[in-house]
Amino acid sequence: MTDRTNLIADVKENKEQNGIEIYFRVYPIEGTRNTLKSNGFHWNHKKSCWYAKYSVDRQAIAEVIADTLIEEYKEIAGENGEKVQEVKTTTTTTA
């Protein structure tokens, strides 16, 4: 099993809802949130994750986002005048 703790998120399949869930280790910056929203993802406050109905395209987008290294993400955020803050508590699951 690959150590994913240096990546910004984990992607989980929700078979019961035919969905995809993204659990972030850091709060997503504005550009990431906009990408998620424009691709049909929504914030689930109870589960503290972004979710959407499954599609091949959404799965690919989720994996690309989740597989970003935290250090790279901090650099991207800095270029946009944002700071990356780690999530204090998270329910992450590796797929």
Protein backbone atom coordinates (compact mmCIF):
# COMPACT_ATOMS: atom_id res chain seq x y z
CA MET A 1 0.00 0.00 0.00
CA THR A 2 1.32 3.44 -0.96
CA ASP A 3 1.86 6.08 1.72
CA ARG A 4 -0.61 8.81 0.77
CA THR A 5 -0.06 11.08 3.78
CA ASN A 6 2.00 13.56 1.70
CA LEU A 7 -0.88 14.02 -0.78
CA ILE A 8 -3.66 16.58 -0.33
CA ALA A 9 -6.61 14.16 -0.39
CA ASP A 10 -8.00 10.66 -0.75
CA VAL A 11 -10.72 9.58 -3.15
CA LYS A 12 -13.33 7.08 -2.03
CA GLU A 13 -16.01 5.36 -4.05
CA ASN A 14 -19.47 5.43 -2.50
CA LYS A 15 -21.12 2.40 -4.10
CA GLU A 16 -24.41 2.87 -2.24
CA GLN A 17 -24.88 6.34 -3.77
CA ASN A 18 -23.06 5.63 -7.06
CA GLY A 19 -20.75 8.47 -6.10
CA ILE A 20 -17.25 9.72 -5.57
CA GLU A 21 -16.06 11.38 -2.35
CA ILE A 22 -12.90 13.42 -1.85
CA TYR A 23 -11.50 13.75 1.68
CA PHE A 24 -8.95 16.56 1.93
CA ARG A 25 -6.01 16.72 4.35
CA VAL A 26 -5.73 20.47 3.65
CA TYR A 27 -8.43 23.01 2.96
CA PRO A 28 -8.81 23.32 -0.81
CA ILE A 29 -7.77 26.65 -2.27
CA GLU A 30 -10.15 28.74 -4.37
CA GLY A 31 -9.05 27.32 -7.73
CA THR A 32 -9.57 23.76 -6.51
CA ARG A 33 -12.99 24.58 -5.10
CA ASN A 34 -13.98 26.21 -8.39
CA THR A 35 -12.80 23.16 -10.34
CA LEU A 36 -14.81 20.88 -8.07
CA LYS A 37 -17.95 23.01 -8.35
CA SER A 38 -17.71 23.36 -12.13
CA ASN A 39 -17.49 19.58 -12.42
CA GLY A 40 -20.56 18.83 -10.34
CA PHE A 41 -18.99 18.28 -6.91
CA HIS A 42 -20.73 19.55 -3.78
CA TRP A 43 -19.63 19.95 -0.17
CA ASN A 44 -21.10 17.45 2.31
CA HIS A 45 -20.94 19.17 5.68
CA LYS A 46 -21.82 16.06 7.71
CA LYS A 47 -19.14 13.88 6.14
CA SER A 48 -16.65 16.73 5.60
CA CYS A 49 -16.01 15.72 2.01
CA TRP A 50 -16.67 16.85 -1.55
CA TYR A 51 -18.94 14.47 -3.45
CA ALA A 52 -20.49 13.92 -6.87
CA LYS A 53 -22.31 11.23 -8.80
CA TYR A 54 -19.86 8.86 -10.45
CA SER A 55 -18.63 9.46 -13.98
CA VAL A 56 -15.34 8.53 -15.60
CA ASP A 57 -14.48 12.21 -16.02
CA ARG A 58 -15.26 13.05 -12.38
CA GLN A 59 -13.20 10.09 -11.20
CA ALA A 60 -10.24 11.31 -13.26
CA ILE A 61 -10.59 14.88 -11.94
CA ALA A 62 -10.81 13.64 -8.35
CA GLU A 63 -7.69 11.50 -8.74
CA VAL A 64 -5.65 14.29 -10.32
CA ILE A 65 -6.61 16.67 -7.51
CA ALA A 66 -6.05 14.11 -4.74
CA ASP A 67 -2.65 13.05 -6.09
CA THR A 68 -1.17 16.53 -5.66
CA LEU A 69 1.69 16.66 -3.18
CA ILE A 70 1.06 18.94 -0.21
CA GLU A 71 4.35 20.79 -0.80
CA GLU A 72 3.46 21.43 -4.47
CA TYR A 73 -0.01 22.58 -3.41
CA LYS A 74 1.52 25.08 -0.98
CA GLU A 75 3.62 26.51 -3.82
CA ILE A 76 0.57 26.84 -6.08
CA ALA A 77 -1.37 28.51 -3.28
CA GLY A 78 1.47 30.94 -2.59
CA GLU A 79 1.59 31.95 -6.26
CA ASN A 80 -2.10 32.86 -5.95
CA GLY A 81 -1.68 34.74 -2.68
CA GLU A 82 -3.33 31.98 -0.64
CA LYS A 83 -2.12 29.85 2.25
CA VAL A 84 -2.71 26.16 2.74
CA GLN A 85 -4.08 25.12 6.09
CA GLU A 86 -4.15 21.50 7.15
CA VAL A 87 -7.48 20.01 8.18
CA LYS A 88 -7.42 19.31 11.93
CA THR A 89 -9.72 16.31 11.85
CA THR A 90 -10.47 14.26 8.78
CA THR A 91 -12.00 10.96 7.87
CA THR A 92 -9.73 9.76 5.12
CA THR A 93 -9.96 6.42 3.47
CA THR A 94 -7.66 5.06 0.86
CA ALA A 95 -9.26 3.63 -2.22
